[in-house]
PDB file of N, CA and C in Angstrom:
ATOM      1  N   MET A   1      -0.912  -0.440 -14.231  1.00  0.00           N
ATOM      2  CA  MET A   1      -2.164  -0.043 -13.597  1.00  0.00           C
ATOM      3  C   MET A   1      -3.129   0.423 -14.713  1.00  0.00           C
ATOM      4  N   ALA A   2      -4.284  -0.179 -14.762  1.00  0.00           N
ATOM      5  CA  ALA A   2      -5.286   0.191 -15.736  1.00  0.00           C
ATOM      6  C   ALA A   2      -6.151   1.260 -15.183  1.00  0.00           C
ATOM      7  N   GLU A   3      -6.616   2.142 -16.067  1.00  0.00           N
ATOM      8  CA  GLU A   3      -7.625   3.144 -15.622  1.00  0.00           C
ATOM      9  C   GLU A   3      -8.985   2.711 -16.118  1.00  0.00           C
ATOM     10  N   MET A   4      -9.967   2.916 -15.298  1.00  0.00           N
ATOM     11  CA  MET A   4     -11.323   2.448 -15.620  1.00  0.00           C
ATOM     12  C   MET A   4     -12.342   3.614 -15.352  1.00  0.00           C
ATOM     13  N   LYS A   5     -13.229   3.799 -16.249  1.00  0.00           N
ATOM     14  CA  LYS A   5     -14.232   4.828 -16.070  1.00  0.00           C
ATOM     15  C   LYS A   5     -15.622   4.098 -15.996  1.00  0.00           C
ATOM     16  N   GLU A   6     -16.332   4.258 -14.907  1.00  0.00           N
ATOM     17  CA  GLU A   6     -17.617   3.653 -14.763  1.00  0.00           C
ATOM     18  C   GLU A   6     -18.430   4.411 -13.827  1.00  0.00           C
ATOM     19  N   LYS A   7     -19.719   4.148 -13.765  1.00  0.00           N
ATOM     20  CA  LYS A   7     -20.587   4.833 -12.788  1.00  0.00           C
ATOM     21  C   LYS A   7     -20.760   3.882 -11.630  1.00  0.00           C
ATOM     22  N   VAL A   8     -20.494   4.417 -10.444  1.00  0.00           N
ATOM     23  CA  VAL A   8     -20.728   3.674  -9.171  1.00  0.00           C
ATOM     24  C   VAL A   8     -21.744   4.533  -8.379  1.00  0.00           C
ATOM     25  N   GLY A   9     -22.927   4.008  -8.186  1.00  0.00           N
ATOM     26  CA  GLY A   9     -23.962   4.810  -7.556  1.00  0.00           C
ATOM     27  C   GLY A   9     -24.296   5.997  -8.560  1.00  0.00           C
ATOM     28  N   CYS A  10     -24.221   7.218  -8.084  1.00  0.00           N
ATOM     29  CA  CYS A  10     -24.454   8.387  -8.922  1.00  0.00           C
ATOM     30  C   CYS A  10     -23.128   9.070  -9.302  1.00  0.00           C
ATOM     31  N   ILE A  11     -22.009   8.526  -8.822  1.00  0.00           N
ATOM     32  CA  ILE A  11     -20.711   9.190  -8.982  1.00  0.00           C
ATOM     33  C   ILE A  11     -19.901   8.507 -10.068  1.00  0.00           C
ATOM     34  N   GLU A  12     -19.483   9.256 -11.051  1.00  0.00           N
ATOM     35  CA  GLU A  12     -18.585   8.669 -12.068  1.00  0.00           C
ATOM     36  C   GLU A  12     -17.166   8.571 -11.510  1.00  0.00           C
ATOM     37  N   GLN A  13     -16.612   7.375 -11.547  1.00  0.00           N
ATOM     38  CA  GLN A  13     -15.253   7.142 -11.101  1.00  0.00           C
ATOM     39  C   GLN A  13     -14.249   7.182 -12.232  1.00  0.00           C
ATOM     40  N   ASP A  14     -13.190   7.926 -12.107  1.00  0.00           N
ATOM     41  CA  ASP A  14     -12.161   7.943 -13.069  1.00  0.00           C
ATOM     42  C   ASP A  14     -10.849   7.839 -12.282  1.00  0.00           C
ATOM     43  N   THR A  15     -10.665   6.719 -11.597  1.00  0.00           N
ATOM     44  CA  THR A  15      -9.556   6.527 -10.710  1.00  0.00           C
ATOM     45  C   THR A  15      -8.791   5.311 -11.127  1.00  0.00           C
ATOM     46  N   PRO A  16      -7.493   5.218 -10.840  1.00  0.00           N
ATOM     47  CA  PRO A  16      -6.724   4.023 -11.201  1.00  0.00           C
ATOM     48  C   PRO A  16      -7.301   2.771 -10.480  1.00  0.00           C
ATOM     49  N   LEU A  17      -7.240   1.668 -11.212  1.00  0.00           N
ATOM     50  CA  LEU A  17      -7.700   0.405 -10.702  1.00  0.00           C
ATOM     51  C   LEU A  17      -6.600  -0.593 -10.697  1.00  0.00           C
ATOM     52  N   VAL A  18      -6.355  -1.236  -9.540  1.00  0.00           N
ATOM     53  CA  VAL A  18      -5.315  -2.261  -9.394  1.00  0.00           C
ATOM     54  C   VAL A  18      -5.993  -3.613  -9.383  1.00  0.00           C
ATOM     55  N   HIS A  19      -5.544  -4.575 -10.233  1.00  0.00           N
ATOM     56  CA  HIS A  19      -5.965  -5.939 -10.178  1.00  0.00           C
ATOM     57  C   HIS A  19      -4.901  -6.769  -9.433  1.00  0.00           C
ATOM     58  N   ARG A  20      -5.357  -7.553  -8.463  1.00  0.00           N
ATOM     59  CA  ARG A  20      -4.378  -8.423  -7.757  1.00  0.00           C
ATOM     60  C   ARG A  20      -5.056  -9.747  -7.540  1.00  0.00           C
ATOM     61  N   LYS A  21      -4.445 -10.815  -7.984  1.00  0.00           N
ATOM     62  CA  LYS A  21      -4.948 -12.112  -7.864  1.00  0.00           C
ATOM     63  C   LYS A  21      -4.153 -12.866  -6.693  1.00  0.00           C
ATOM     64  N   ILE A  22      -4.881 -13.333  -5.723  1.00  0.00           N
ATOM     65  CA  ILE A  22      -4.293 -14.082  -4.611  1.00  0.00           C
ATOM     66  C   ILE A  22      -4.999 -15.352  -4.509  1.00  0.00           C
ATOM     67  N   GLY A  23      -4.326 -16.479  -4.850  1.00  0.00           N
ATOM     68  CA  GLY A  23      -4.994 -17.749  -4.938  1.00  0.00           C
ATOM     69  C   GLY A  23      -5.985 -17.750  -6.110  1.00  0.00           C
ATOM     70  N   SER A  24      -7.209 -18.134  -5.811  1.00  0.00           N
ATOM     71  CA  SER A  24      -8.231 -18.104  -6.836  1.00  0.00           C
ATOM     72  C   SER A  24      -9.147 -16.866  -6.787  1.00  0.00           C
ATOM     73  N   THR A  25      -8.779 -15.957  -5.896  1.00  0.00           N
ATOM     74  CA  THR A  25      -9.560 -14.727  -5.773  1.00  0.00           C
ATOM     75  C   THR A  25      -8.888 -13.550  -6.418  1.00  0.00           C
ATOM     76  N   THR A  26      -9.650 -12.823  -7.250  1.00  0.00           N
ATOM     77  CA  THR A  26      -9.123 -11.598  -7.849  1.00  0.00           C
ATOM     78  C   THR A  26      -9.701 -10.402  -7.171  1.00  0.00           C
ATOM     79  N   TYR A  27      -8.824  -9.532  -6.680  1.00  0.00           N
ATOM     80  CA  TYR A  27      -9.276  -8.317  -6.011  1.00  0.00           C
ATOM     81  C   TYR A  27      -9.052  -7.113  -6.952  1.00  0.00           C
ATOM     82  N   LEU A  28     -10.064  -6.244  -6.989  1.00  0.00           N
ATOM     83  CA  LEU A  28     -10.010  -4.988  -7.787  1.00  0.00           C
ATOM     84  C   LEU A  28     -10.071  -3.863  -6.770  1.00  0.00           C
ATOM     85  N   VAL A  29      -8.992  -3.090  -6.757  1.00  0.00           N
ATOM     86  CA  VAL A  29      -8.839  -2.030  -5.734  1.00  0.00           C
ATOM     87  C   VAL A  29      -8.720  -0.659  -6.431  1.00  0.00           C
ATOM     88  N   ARG A  30      -9.549   0.253  -6.105  1.00  0.00           N
ATOM     89  CA  ARG A  30      -9.494   1.627  -6.644  1.00  0.00           C
ATOM     90  C   ARG A  30      -8.483   2.420  -5.764  1.00  0.00           C
ATOM     91  N   VAL A  31      -7.705   3.234  -6.418  1.00  0.00           N
ATOM     92  CA  VAL A  31      -6.666   3.989  -5.668  1.00  0.00           C
ATOM     93  C   VAL A  31      -7.138   5.474  -5.676  1.00  0.00           C
ATOM     94  N   HIS A  32      -7.273   6.022  -4.438  1.00  0.00           N
ATOM     95  CA  HIS A  32      -7.746   7.376  -4.279  1.00  0.00           C
ATOM     96  C   HIS A  32      -6.681   8.221  -3.534  1.00  0.00           C
ATOM     97  N   PHE A  33      -6.532   9.426  -3.979  1.00  0.00           N
ATOM     98  CA  PHE A  33      -5.585  10.360  -3.337  1.00  0.00           C
ATOM     99  C   PHE A  33      -6.329  11.606  -3.008  1.00  0.00           C
ATOM    100  N   ASN A  34      -6.037  12.188  -1.859  1.00  0.00           N
ATOM    101  CA  ASN A  34      -6.631  13.493  -1.500  1.00  0.00           C
ATOM    102  C   ASN A  34      -5.844  14.586  -2.166  1.00  0.00           C
ATOM    103  N   PRO A  35      -6.468  15.371  -3.052  1.00  0.00           N
ATOM    104  CA  PRO A  35      -5.716  16.434  -3.732  1.00  0.00           C
ATOM    105  C   PRO A  35      -5.280  17.541  -2.805  1.00  0.00           C
ATOM    106  N   ASP A  36      -5.887  17.595  -1.620  1.00  0.00           N
ATOM    107  CA  ASP A  36      -5.579  18.648  -0.640  1.00  0.00           C
ATOM    108  C   ASP A  36      -4.564  18.217   0.391  1.00  0.00           C
ATOM    109  N   SER A  37      -3.968  17.019   0.215  1.00  0.00           N
ATOM    110  CA  SER A  37      -3.054  16.481   1.142  1.00  0.00           C
ATOM    111  C   SER A  37      -1.843  17.383   1.388  1.00  0.00           C
ATOM    112  N   LYS A  38      -1.358  17.458   2.560  1.00  0.00           N
ATOM    113  CA  LYS A  38      -0.267  18.319   2.968  1.00  0.00           C
ATOM    114  C   LYS A  38       1.060  17.592   2.889  1.00  0.00           C
ATOM    115  N   GLU A  39       1.052  16.255   2.734  1.00  0.00           N
ATOM    116  CA  GLU A  39       2.313  15.541   2.657  1.00  0.00           C
ATOM    117  C   GLU A  39       2.378  14.667   1.352  1.00  0.00           C
ATOM    118  N   THR A  40       3.543  14.434   0.924  1.00  0.00           N
ATOM    119  CA  THR A  40       3.728  13.607  -0.231  1.00  0.00           C
ATOM    120  C   THR A  40       3.550  12.141   0.121  1.00  0.00           C
ATOM    121  N   LEU A  41       3.478  11.292  -0.895  1.00  0.00           N
ATOM    122  CA  LEU A  41       3.385   9.871  -0.631  1.00  0.00           C
ATOM    123  C   LEU A  41       4.610   9.356   0.089  1.00  0.00           C
ATOM    124  N   GLN A  42       5.807   9.849  -0.333  1.00  0.00           N
ATOM    125  CA  GLN A  42       7.027   9.458   0.326  1.00  0.00           C
ATOM    126  C   GLN A  42       7.028   9.850   1.857  1.00  0.00           C
ATOM    127  N   GLN A  43       6.600  11.054   2.132  1.00  0.00           N
ATOM    128  CA  GLN A  43       6.505  11.510   3.486  1.00  0.00           C
ATOM    129  C   GLN A  43       5.569  10.627   4.340  1.00  0.00           C
ATOM    130  N   LYS A  44       4.397  10.323   3.708  1.00  0.00           N
ATOM    131  CA  LYS A  44       3.444   9.460   4.377  1.00  0.00           C
ATOM    132  C   LYS A  44       4.027   8.141   4.736  1.00  0.00           C
ATOM    133  N   ILE A  45       4.667   7.471   3.771  1.00  0.00           N
ATOM    134  CA  ILE A  45       5.262   6.183   3.952  1.00  0.00           C
ATOM    135  C   ILE A  45       6.352   6.232   5.072  1.00  0.00           C
ATOM    136  N   GLN A  46       7.158   7.226   5.012  1.00  0.00           N
ATOM    137  CA  GLN A  46       8.206   7.376   6.062  1.00  0.00           C
ATOM    138  C   GLN A  46       7.583   7.589   7.428  1.00  0.00           C
ATOM    139  N   ARG A  47       6.537   8.362   7.538  1.00  0.00           N
ATOM    140  CA  ARG A  47       5.852   8.541   8.842  1.00  0.00           C
ATOM    141  C   ARG A  47       5.275   7.247   9.322  1.00  0.00           C
ATOM    142  N   MET A  48       4.595   6.508   8.424  1.00  0.00           N
ATOM    143  CA  MET A  48       4.030   5.208   8.825  1.00  0.00           C
ATOM    144  C   MET A  48       5.064   4.211   9.285  1.00  0.00           C
ATOM    145  N   LEU A  49       6.244   4.174   8.532  1.00  0.00           N
ATOM    146  CA  LEU A  49       7.299   3.284   8.978  1.00  0.00           C
ATOM    147  C   LEU A  49       7.843   3.694  10.351  1.00  0.00           C
ATOM    148  N   ALA A  50       8.102   4.958  10.539  1.00  0.00           N
ATOM    149  CA  ALA A  50       8.615   5.427  11.748  1.00  0.00           C
ATOM    150  C   ALA A  50       7.681   5.100  12.964  1.00  0.00           C
ATOM    151  N   ASN A  51       6.363   5.238  12.734  1.00  0.00           N
ATOM    152  CA  ASN A  51       5.366   4.907  13.746  1.00  0.00           C
ATOM    153  C   ASN A  51       5.376   3.387  14.023  1.00  0.00           C
ATOM    154  N   GLU A  52       5.585   2.611  12.988  1.00  0.00           N
ATOM    155  CA  GLU A  52       5.604   1.154  13.145  1.00  0.00           C
ATOM    156  C   GLU A  52       6.872   0.703  13.959  1.00  0.00           C
ATOM    157  N   VAL A  53       7.999   1.303  13.607  1.00  0.00           N
ATOM    158  CA  VAL A  53       9.200   0.979  14.331  1.00  0.00           C
ATOM    159  C   VAL A  53       9.080   1.370  15.822  1.00  0.00           C
ATOM    160  N   GLN A  54       8.540   2.568  16.085  1.00  0.00           N
ATOM    161  CA  GLN A  54       8.363   3.035  17.436  1.00  0.00           C
ATOM    162  C   GLN A  54       7.423   2.075  18.176  1.00  0.00           C
ATOM    163  N   SER A  55       6.336   1.628  17.531  1.00  0.00           N
ATOM    164  CA  SER A  55       5.427   0.663  18.161  1.00  0.00           C
ATOM    165  C   SER A  55       6.103  -0.607  18.455  1.00  0.00           C
ATOM    166  N   MET A  56       6.939  -1.106  17.501  1.00  0.00           N
ATOM    167  CA  MET A  56       7.675  -2.349  17.763  1.00  0.00           C
ATOM    168  C   MET A  56       8.675  -2.222  18.922  1.00  0.00           C
ATOM    169  N   ASP A  57       9.306  -1.052  19.056  1.00  0.00           N
ATOM    170  CA  ASP A  57      10.261  -0.835  20.124  1.00  0.00           C
ATOM    171  C   ASP A  57       9.520  -0.875  21.445  1.00  0.00           C
ATOM    172  N   LEU A  58       8.356  -0.222  21.485  1.00  0.00           N
ATOM    173  CA  LEU A  58       7.608  -0.174  22.744  1.00  0.00           C
ATOM    174  C   LEU A  58       7.075  -1.584  23.124  1.00  0.00           C
ATOM    175  N   ASN A  59       6.630  -2.350  22.163  1.00  0.00           N
ATOM    176  CA  ASN A  59       6.194  -3.736  22.388  1.00  0.00           C
ATOM    177  C   ASN A  59       7.333  -4.574  22.914  1.00  0.00           C
ATOM    178  N   SER A  60       8.506  -4.354  22.307  1.00  0.00           N
ATOM    179  CA  SER A  60       9.705  -5.127  22.783  1.00  0.00           C
ATOM    180  C   SER A  60      10.103  -4.807  24.193  1.00  0.00           C
ATOM    181  N   GLN A  61      10.011  -3.522  24.569  1.00  0.00           N
ATOM    182  CA  GLN A  61      10.327  -3.074  25.908  1.00  0.00           C
ATOM    183  C   GLN A  61       9.299  -3.704  26.925  1.00  0.00           C
ATOM    184  N   ILE A  62       8.004  -3.768  26.544  1.00  0.00           N
ATOM    185  CA  ILE A  62       7.003  -4.246  27.429  1.00  0.00           C
ATOM    186  C   ILE A  62       7.211  -5.811  27.647  1.00  0.00           C
ATOM    187  N   GLU A  63       7.543  -6.458  26.520  1.00  0.00           N
ATOM    188  CA  GLU A  63       7.740  -7.909  26.658  1.00  0.00           C
ATOM    189  C   GLU A  63       9.015  -8.223  27.534  1.00  0.00           C
ATOM    190  N   SER A  64      10.055  -7.419  27.345  1.00  0.00           N
ATOM    191  CA  SER A  64      11.298  -7.717  28.149  1.00  0.00           C
ATOM    192  C   SER A  64      11.086  -7.380  29.596  1.00  0.00           C
ATOM    193  N   ASN A  65      10.178  -6.431  29.940  1.00  0.00           N
ATOM    194  CA  ASN A  65       9.938  -6.109  31.334  1.00  0.00           C
ATOM    195  C   ASN A  65       9.010  -7.142  31.995  1.00  0.00           C
ATOM    196  N   SER A  66       8.260  -7.834  31.198  1.00  0.00           N
ATOM    197  CA  SER A  66       7.321  -8.805  31.779  1.00  0.00           C
ATOM    198  C   SER A  66       7.925 -10.200  32.023  1.00  0.00           C
ATOM    199  N   VAL A  67       9.136 -10.415  31.566  1.00  0.00           N
ATOM    200  CA  VAL A  67       9.826 -11.707  31.730  1.00  0.00           C
ATOM    201  C   VAL A  67      10.596 -11.770  32.989  1.00  0.00           C
TER     202      VAL A  67
END
């Protein structure tokens, strides 16, 4: 991950920059983290996965009831 310092608008950005090439398109994505966050990255990912699994379970139940 490369770090890049540049001016965007009136705000100087000193954030990590991810380069990803998909096909012939190169995407540059800045990574931002909230310093006041109450959960770690691991906790956030676990919460998102749990929500996704719960959503998949509900969709599966709806589909099985409609058949």
